[in-house]
Protein backbone atom coordinates (compact mmCIF):
# COMPACT_ATOMS: atom_id res chain seq x y z
CA MET A 1 -20.18 -48.72 5.56
CA LYS A 2 -23.05 -51.17 6.21
CA ALA A 3 -25.44 -48.25 6.53
CA LEU A 4 -24.19 -46.81 3.25
CA SER A 5 -24.68 -50.23 1.55
CA LYS A 6 -28.31 -50.34 2.69
CA ILE A 7 -28.90 -46.86 1.29
CA VAL A 8 -27.47 -47.92 -2.08
CA THR A 9 -29.72 -50.99 -2.15
CA ARG A 10 -32.83 -48.96 -1.34
CA CYS A 11 -31.94 -46.44 -4.01
CA GLN A 12 -31.62 -49.17 -6.62
CA PHE A 13 -35.08 -50.53 -5.92
CA HIS A 14 -36.99 -47.25 -5.58
CA ARG A 15 -35.90 -45.22 -8.58
CA ARG A 16 -39.49 -44.21 -9.32
CA GLY A 17 -39.89 -42.41 -6.02
CA LEU A 18 -38.58 -38.88 -6.63
CA ALA A 19 -38.61 -37.87 -3.00
CA LEU A 20 -36.76 -41.01 -1.97
CA ALA A 21 -34.28 -40.54 -4.81
CA LEU A 22 -33.42 -37.09 -3.56
CA VAL A 23 -32.93 -38.44 -0.06
CA CYS A 24 -30.69 -41.17 -1.45
CA ALA A 25 -28.62 -38.68 -3.44
CA ALA A 26 -28.07 -36.53 -0.35
CA ALA A 27 -27.16 -39.54 1.73
CA LEU A 28 -24.72 -40.83 -0.89
CA GLY A 29 -23.09 -37.40 -0.98
CA LEU A 30 -22.22 -37.75 2.69
CA GLY A 31 -20.28 -40.87 1.86
CA MET A 32 -18.29 -39.40 -1.04
CA PRO A 33 -14.70 -38.32 -0.63
CA ALA A 34 -14.26 -34.57 -0.08
CA HIS A 35 -12.79 -33.93 -3.54
CA ALA A 36 -15.88 -35.40 -5.23
CA GLN A 37 -18.29 -33.04 -3.48
CA ALA A 38 -19.05 -29.44 -4.50
CA GLN A 39 -16.23 -27.26 -3.25
CA ALA A 40 -16.76 -24.06 -1.28
CA PRO A 41 -14.85 -21.00 -2.53
CA VAL A 42 -11.17 -21.26 -1.65
CA TRP A 43 -11.03 -17.65 -0.44
CA PRO A 44 -12.52 -15.72 1.24
CA ASN A 45 -14.98 -17.72 3.32
CA LYS A 46 -14.65 -15.50 6.41
CA PRO A 47 -14.16 -11.80 7.14
CA VAL A 48 -10.70 -10.59 6.11
CA LYS A 49 -8.60 -8.17 8.16
CA LEU A 50 -6.39 -5.68 6.33
CA ILE A 51 -3.60 -4.21 8.46
CA ILE A 52 -2.54 -0.71 7.42
CA PRO A 53 0.68 1.04 8.56
CA ALA A 54 -0.98 4.45 8.62
CA PRO A 55 -3.44 6.50 10.70
CA GLY A 56 -7.08 7.18 9.94
CA GLY A 57 -7.70 9.68 7.19
CA SER A 58 -4.42 8.91 5.43
CA ALA A 59 -4.23 8.11 1.72
CA ALA A 60 -3.70 4.43 2.60
CA ASP A 61 -6.79 4.44 4.81
CA VAL A 62 -8.90 6.10 2.11
CA LEU A 63 -7.68 3.55 -0.45
CA ALA A 64 -8.39 0.62 1.84
CA ARG A 65 -11.95 1.73 2.49
CA MET A 66 -12.68 2.24 -1.21
CA VAL A 67 -11.27 -1.19 -2.00
CA GLY A 68 -13.09 -2.71 0.96
CA GLU A 69 -16.45 -1.68 -0.50
CA ARG A 70 -15.74 -3.51 -3.75
CA PHE A 71 -14.22 -6.46 -1.87
CA THR A 72 -17.44 -7.00 0.07
CA ALA A 73 -19.62 -6.51 -2.99
CA LEU A 74 -17.73 -9.19 -4.95
CA SER A 75 -16.91 -11.68 -2.20
CA GLY A 76 -19.80 -11.30 0.23
CA GLN A 77 -17.31 -11.04 3.08
CA PRO A 78 -16.53 -7.89 5.09
CA MET A 79 -13.08 -6.34 5.10
CA ILE A 80 -11.98 -5.17 8.54
CA ILE A 81 -9.58 -2.21 8.45
CA ASP A 82 -6.93 -2.44 11.19
CA LEU A 83 -4.95 0.82 11.47
CA ARG A 84 -1.48 0.36 13.02
CA PRO A 85 0.69 3.43 12.46
CA GLY A 86 4.06 3.94 14.11
CA ALA A 87 7.66 2.69 14.28
CA ASP A 88 8.31 3.40 10.59
CA GLY A 89 5.61 0.89 9.68
CA ALA A 90 7.14 -1.89 11.77
CA LEU A 91 4.13 -2.19 14.09
CA ALA A 92 1.88 -3.12 11.19
CA ALA A 93 4.46 -5.38 9.56
CA VAL A 94 5.13 -7.35 12.75
CA ALA A 95 1.42 -7.75 13.47
CA ALA A 96 0.82 -9.13 9.98
CA ALA A 97 3.90 -11.37 9.99
CA ARG A 98 2.84 -12.96 13.28
CA SER A 99 -0.76 -13.55 12.22
CA GLU A 100 -2.09 -17.00 11.42
CA PRO A 101 -1.27 -17.84 7.78
CA ASP A 102 -4.88 -18.73 7.05
CA GLY A 103 -5.66 -16.05 4.48
CA GLN A 104 -7.76 -14.05 6.90
CA THR A 105 -5.10 -11.39 7.61
CA LEU A 106 -3.44 -9.26 4.93
CA LEU A 107 -0.98 -6.36 5.01
CA LEU A 108 -1.13 -3.20 2.94
CA GLY A 109 2.63 -2.98 2.53
CA ASN A 110 4.52 -0.01 1.13
CA ALA A 111 7.92 0.78 -0.30
CA GLY A 112 9.21 1.93 3.08
CA ILE A 113 8.29 -1.21 5.01
CA MET A 114 9.39 -3.61 2.30
CA THR A 115 12.44 -1.94 0.74
CA VAL A 116 13.77 0.99 2.80
CA ASN A 117 13.62 -0.04 6.47
CA PRO A 118 16.18 -2.87 6.14
CA HIS A 119 18.84 -0.37 5.06
CA PHE A 120 18.37 1.68 8.23
CA ASN A 121 17.80 -1.10 10.75
CA SER A 122 19.69 -4.39 10.65
CA LYS A 123 17.68 -5.70 13.60
CA LEU A 124 14.15 -5.37 12.27
CA ALA A 125 11.56 -7.49 14.06
CA TYR A 126 10.34 -8.73 10.68
CA ASP A 127 11.93 -9.88 7.41
CA PRO A 128 10.36 -8.22 4.34
CA VAL A 129 11.13 -11.27 2.18
CA LYS A 130 10.95 -14.31 4.45
CA ASP A 131 7.92 -13.25 6.50
CA PHE A 132 5.56 -12.32 3.66
CA ALA A 133 4.02 -13.71 0.49
CA PRO A 134 3.33 -11.07 -2.20
CA ILE A 135 -0.16 -11.00 -3.69
CA SER A 136 -0.52 -7.92 -5.89
CA LEU A 137 0.77 -4.43 -6.43
CA LEU A 138 -2.21 -2.10 -5.93
CA VAL A 139 -1.34 1.56 -6.57
CA ASN A 140 1.51 3.91 -7.25
CA ASN A 141 1.42 7.00 -5.06
CA VAL A 142 2.94 10.11 -6.57
CA ILE A 143 5.12 11.94 -4.01
CA VAL A 144 5.06 15.72 -4.20
CA LEU A 145 7.09 18.57 -2.72
CA THR A 146 4.65 21.07 -1.19
CA VAL A 147 5.01 24.51 0.39
CA ARG A 148 2.56 27.16 1.53
CA PRO A 149 2.04 29.92 -1.06
CA SER A 150 3.15 32.65 1.37
CA LEU A 151 6.66 31.18 1.50
CA GLY A 152 7.26 33.10 -1.71
CA VAL A 153 9.08 30.43 -3.74
CA ASN A 154 7.88 29.20 -7.13
CA SER A 155 10.39 26.48 -7.97
CA VAL A 156 12.65 23.95 -6.31
CA GLN A 157 15.67 26.01 -7.33
CA GLU A 158 14.22 29.03 -5.49
CA LEU A 159 13.45 26.87 -2.46
CA VAL A 160 17.01 25.56 -2.27
CA ALA A 161 18.42 29.07 -2.65
CA ALA A 162 16.12 30.42 0.08
CA SER A 163 17.09 27.63 2.46
CA ARG A 164 20.79 28.27 1.93
CA ALA A 165 20.37 32.02 2.36
CA LYS A 166 19.08 31.47 5.91
CA PRO A 167 20.73 28.29 7.22
CA GLY A 168 18.87 26.36 9.90
CA THR A 169 15.56 28.15 9.43
CA MET A 170 13.71 25.70 7.18
CA ASN A 171 12.23 22.34 8.15
CA TYR A 172 10.75 19.66 5.98
CA ALA A 173 8.12 17.19 7.11
CA SER A 174 7.27 13.65 6.13
CA VAL A 175 4.91 11.06 7.55
CA GLY A 176 5.73 7.42 8.16
CA GLY A 177 9.14 7.87 9.71
CA ARG A 178 12.46 7.16 8.03
CA GLY A 179 11.17 4.16 6.13
CA GLY A 180 9.56 5.90 3.22
CA VAL A 181 10.03 7.68 -0.08
CA PRO A 182 8.94 11.09 1.35
CA PHE A 183 11.71 11.02 3.98
CA LEU A 184 14.30 9.82 1.46
CA SER A 185 13.27 12.46 -1.07
CA GLY A 186 13.97 15.20 1.47
CA GLN A 187 17.28 13.65 2.45
CA LEU A 188 18.36 13.40 -1.17
CA LEU A 189 17.39 17.01 -1.78
CA ARG A 190 19.57 17.97 1.19
CA GLN A 191 22.57 15.84 0.38
CA GLN A 192 22.54 15.86 -3.41
CA GLY A 193 20.67 19.09 -4.06
CA GLY A 194 22.29 21.22 -1.37
CA ALA A 195 19.09 22.30 0.38
CA ASP A 196 19.48 23.39 4.00
CA LEU A 197 16.47 21.52 5.46
CA THR A 198 15.97 19.85 8.83
CA TRP A 199 13.69 16.81 8.95
CA VAL A 200 10.66 16.79 11.25
CA GLY A 201 8.78 13.50 11.40
CA TYR A 202 5.03 13.32 11.90
CA ALA A 203 2.71 10.46 12.74
CA SER A 204 -0.30 12.16 11.13
CA GLU A 205 -0.55 13.64 7.64
CA GLY A 206 -3.28 15.98 8.85
CA GLN A 207 -1.15 17.43 11.64
CA ALA A 208 1.82 17.90 9.32
CA ARG A 209 -0.25 19.74 6.74
CA SER A 210 -1.81 21.92 9.44
CA ASP A 211 1.65 22.91 10.66
CA LEU A 212 2.76 23.52 7.08
CA MET A 213 -0.13 25.89 6.42
CA ALA A 214 0.47 27.59 9.78
CA GLY A 215 4.13 28.20 8.96
CA GLN A 216 5.61 25.98 11.68
CA ILE A 217 7.29 23.93 8.98
CA GLN A 218 8.17 25.19 5.53
CA VAL A 219 8.27 22.13 3.25
CA MET A 220 6.50 18.79 3.13
CA PHE A 221 7.02 15.70 1.02
CA ASP A 222 3.60 14.11 0.83
CA THR A 223 1.43 11.93 -1.39
CA LEU A 224 -0.43 13.67 -4.17
CA ALA A 225 -3.60 11.93 -2.98
CA SER A 226 -3.38 13.73 0.36
CA SER A 227 -2.22 17.12 -0.93
CA LEU A 228 -4.39 17.56 -4.02
CA PRO A 229 -7.55 18.96 -2.35
CA LEU A 230 -5.53 21.65 -0.52
CA VAL A 231 -3.64 22.52 -3.70
CA GLN A 232 -6.89 22.86 -5.64
CA SER A 233 -8.25 25.18 -2.94
CA GLY A 234 -5.12 27.36 -3.09
CA ARG A 235 -3.91 26.63 0.45
CA LEU A 236 -0.83 24.70 -0.66
CA LYS A 237 1.49 24.82 -3.64
CA ILE A 238 3.24 21.87 -5.29
CA LEU A 239 6.70 22.71 -6.62
CA ALA A 240 7.58 19.30 -8.07
CA VAL A 241 6.79 15.60 -8.16
CA THR A 242 9.43 13.00 -7.34
CA GLY A 243 8.71 10.43 -10.05
CA ASN A 244 10.18 10.03 -13.52
CA ALA A 245 7.13 11.61 -15.18
CA ARG A 246 4.68 14.40 -14.43
CA ALA A 247 1.42 13.53 -12.71
CA PRO A 248 -1.55 13.49 -15.11
CA GLN A 249 -3.60 15.36 -12.49
CA LEU A 250 -1.07 18.25 -12.52
CA PRO A 251 0.60 18.28 -15.93
CA GLN A 252 1.96 21.80 -15.36
CA VAL A 253 4.05 20.71 -12.34
CA PRO A 254 7.60 19.54 -13.24
CA THR A 255 9.45 16.58 -11.84
CA LEU A 256 12.46 17.10 -9.59
CA ILE A 257 14.56 15.79 -12.46
CA GLU A 258 13.22 18.53 -14.74
CA SER A 259 13.83 21.02 -11.94
CA GLY A 260 17.55 20.28 -12.05
CA PHE A 261 17.85 17.57 -9.39
CA PRO A 262 18.30 14.27 -11.24
CA GLY A 263 19.36 12.31 -8.16
CA VAL A 264 16.12 12.98 -6.32
CA GLN A 265 13.46 10.60 -7.58
CA GLY A 266 11.17 7.91 -6.30
CA VAL A 267 7.59 6.69 -6.33
CA GLY A 268 5.67 5.39 -3.37
CA TRP A 269 3.66 2.23 -3.91
CA LEU A 270 1.22 0.11 -1.98
CA GLY A 271 1.01 -3.65 -2.37
CA LEU A 272 -0.91 -6.51 -0.83
CA TYR A 273 0.85 -9.17 1.23
CA ALA A 274 -0.07 -12.19 3.35
CA PRO A 275 1.91 -14.05 6.04
CA ALA A 276 4.55 -16.23 4.39
CA ALA A 277 3.00 -19.66 5.03
CA THR A 278 -0.43 -18.78 3.62
CA PRO A 279 -1.58 -21.61 1.28
CA ALA A 280 -0.86 -21.03 -2.40
CA ALA A 281 -4.50 -21.60 -3.37
CA GLN A 282 -5.62 -18.76 -1.11
CA LEU A 283 -2.92 -16.44 -2.46
CA ALA A 284 -4.02 -17.19 -6.02
CA SER A 285 -7.68 -16.58 -5.16
CA ALA A 286 -6.77 -13.28 -3.49
CA GLN A 287 -4.76 -12.13 -6.49
CA GLN A 288 -7.63 -12.95 -8.85
CA LEU A 289 -10.21 -11.19 -6.68
CA PHE A 290 -8.15 -8.01 -6.35
CA SER A 291 -7.54 -8.00 -10.10
CA ARG A 292 -11.32 -7.96 -10.55
CA ILE A 293 -11.67 -5.19 -7.97
CA PHE A 294 -9.11 -2.99 -9.69
CA ALA A 295 -10.65 -3.59 -13.11
CA ASP A 296 -13.73 -1.66 -11.98
CA ALA A 297 -13.85 1.52 -14.09
CA GLU A 298 -15.61 3.63 -11.45
CA LEU A 299 -13.12 2.67 -8.74
CA ARG A 300 -10.19 3.45 -11.04
CA GLU A 301 -11.62 6.89 -11.82
CA ARG A 302 -12.03 7.63 -8.11
CA MET A 303 -8.42 6.63 -7.46
CA LEU A 304 -7.04 8.74 -10.29
CA ALA A 305 -9.05 11.74 -9.11
CA LEU A 306 -7.39 11.35 -5.70
CA GLY A 307 -3.90 11.17 -7.19
CA MET A 308 -3.44 7.40 -7.07
CA GLU A 309 -2.49 5.29 -10.07
CA PRO A 310 -4.20 1.85 -9.94
CA VAL A 311 -1.72 -0.83 -11.01
CA ALA A 312 -3.01 -4.22 -9.85
CA SER A 313 -0.51 -6.88 -10.88
CA THR A 314 0.62 -10.48 -10.65
CA THR A 315 2.39 -11.74 -7.55
CA GLU A 316 5.61 -11.98 -9.57
CA ALA A 317 5.37 -8.31 -10.60
CA LEU A 318 5.09 -7.20 -6.97
CA ALA A 319 8.03 -9.39 -5.96
CA THR A 320 10.09 -7.92 -8.82
CA MET A 321 9.18 -4.37 -7.82
CA GLN A 322 10.17 -5.09 -4.23
CA ARG A 323 13.56 -6.53 -5.22
CA GLY A 324 14.29 -3.66 -7.60
CA ASP A 325 13.40 -0.95 -5.09
CA HIS A 326 15.36 -2.66 -2.32
CA ALA A 327 18.48 -2.56 -4.49
CA LYS A 328 17.83 0.99 -5.75
CA TRP A 329 17.22 2.55 -2.35
CA GLY A 330 20.08 0.60 -0.79
CA LYS A 331 22.53 2.00 -3.33
CA LEU A 332 21.21 5.55 -3.01
CA ILE A 333 21.32 5.45 0.78
CA LYS A 334 24.87 4.12 0.75
CA ASP A 335 26.19 6.39 -2.00
CA ALA A 336 24.62 9.51 -0.47
CA GLY A 337 25.57 8.55 3.07
CA ILE A 338 22.00 9.03 4.27
CA LYS A 339 21.59 8.34 7.96
CA ALA A 340 18.46 7.61 9.94
CA GLU A 341 18.09 10.82 11.95
């Protein structure tokens, strides 16, 4: 304090010396309380890691890398993509939940991890509510029912009839294990729609689609973002979408509801989460930054072209979506008696 007093005195008696005045101002700044000094950005001030419950080349991976480009451009910080597929998304969820709550680790959560898994596993190694703080909903992923053209079916009704005509001969694939809308859509089509389909789980979307085109499996519930290029090239056919409305990219394709299966519906979504104890100021900064990212017209056009609907939101909107889907899927799973195969 004595040293600071001497600096003040010298400053008072040498106001005409510009160089000395600047030195004095800098020195006085060192003695100011932290809140009186210029504040560094709350978040991010370091590289940020985004954990993804999916393999490379998946729709989630493609989304993350597109978003990462804009993230770096706006924040000046790199986004590190950490791919952790497996265990119905639990590997990624546990890794994120156990990370330091310092704002430097985020999770790209999905409907399966946050709303479906608890209904199949009462001993999850993570709690979707207690272990995470919601930041923003990012995209809705349209789920589609795909077949290879040579299967010879042109509607879901024809597919169900063909499966029942030859019991035990048709398989359906989904990626991401039992904790996702694609798996549940197939189970609902079996149990409420009467389709004779056996589930085959895949860790890789690419491998599942290769087997579908090769005839080793007959049906796949997949994201529109992943299937669209193959549909446009004529190698796959989409019979229906699982949401409440048709996809704007394929307005001629009906929903499962329109196809005569009202109990089979659901939309996959991806949202941004942080470990539960992350400071509120960092969560708010993250939400604001991602709102800016998703307001970019070029990025939105790229997402829509890939079959993703950008829907950046408030933290409250994501929390509400999570609660609503948890209740919806829980009721459907219980009422339909769906079991984790």
